[in-house]
């Protein structure tokens, strides 16, 4: 493995050229060798061409230097005109890092006003960044925050049925919230999200929701935390071909930390409390 860096065009070509010329110097007559040397050394014949009386070693050295020079020049020209390749980082492109840090710092405090402020700042900023990824106006993007609340806690807090809650099982209730009040979650949205929570992958997308759910949505993206569900984020599109491979990769990298934030019970508890008090 440590010798791999030497296995490139320059080194291999130079070695092959030198070995080939060694064979020539050993087999050709002096007259033929002089002609071959002159051909290879063109256009430097006058300055570098050894005379007829020079030894075969001199011919070999002159041609070897010339071959290496030609190869380096060729390689330089290729690099000069070669289109630069943008190297993709091996690390996920994180978004909202400052907002996440501020939110986590606030959660450890006892100041509910500060906690609520940082939570909503993060959620709104994340919505904005996702809209940029999919090249949409944030007011046209249907993004849903999904959290799970204990059923007993729900009944203690909520006095009447609410369209933004969905019975998940006999122990828990899903909170499905859109910060854009003009785009409330529909019954179809709730069915899609409940189906998504049954899938094994924490991040996935589907372009068959129109066929599977017979509704208005055509494409769907979802991310949730690992393990027992606490926090998720869904995108629903009424148009086709909104999700490209590049956009999907960008979103998956940008949203990867949501798979871990949902494991922080103190954070999800504060988010649920805030949503119950301020959003719902």
Foldseek 3Di string as FASTA:
>chain_A
DVCVVCPDDLNVQLVVQLVVLVVVLVPDDLVVLLVVLCVQCPPCCVPQRDDSPDHSVSSSVSNSVSSSVVSVVVVVVCVVPPDDDDDDDPAFDAPPPVLVVQLVVVLPDPDLVSNLVSVVVSVVRVLVVLCVLLVHDSLPWFKKKKFKDFPVVCVVQDPDDDPQWADLDPTIIMGIDDQNPVDHDDPLNVVVVSVVVPDPDQWDKDQCSCVVRVDQWGIKTKHAAPDDTGIMMMTTDSDPPSDDPSSSSNVCSHCVCRNVVSVPVSSSVSVVVSCSVPPD
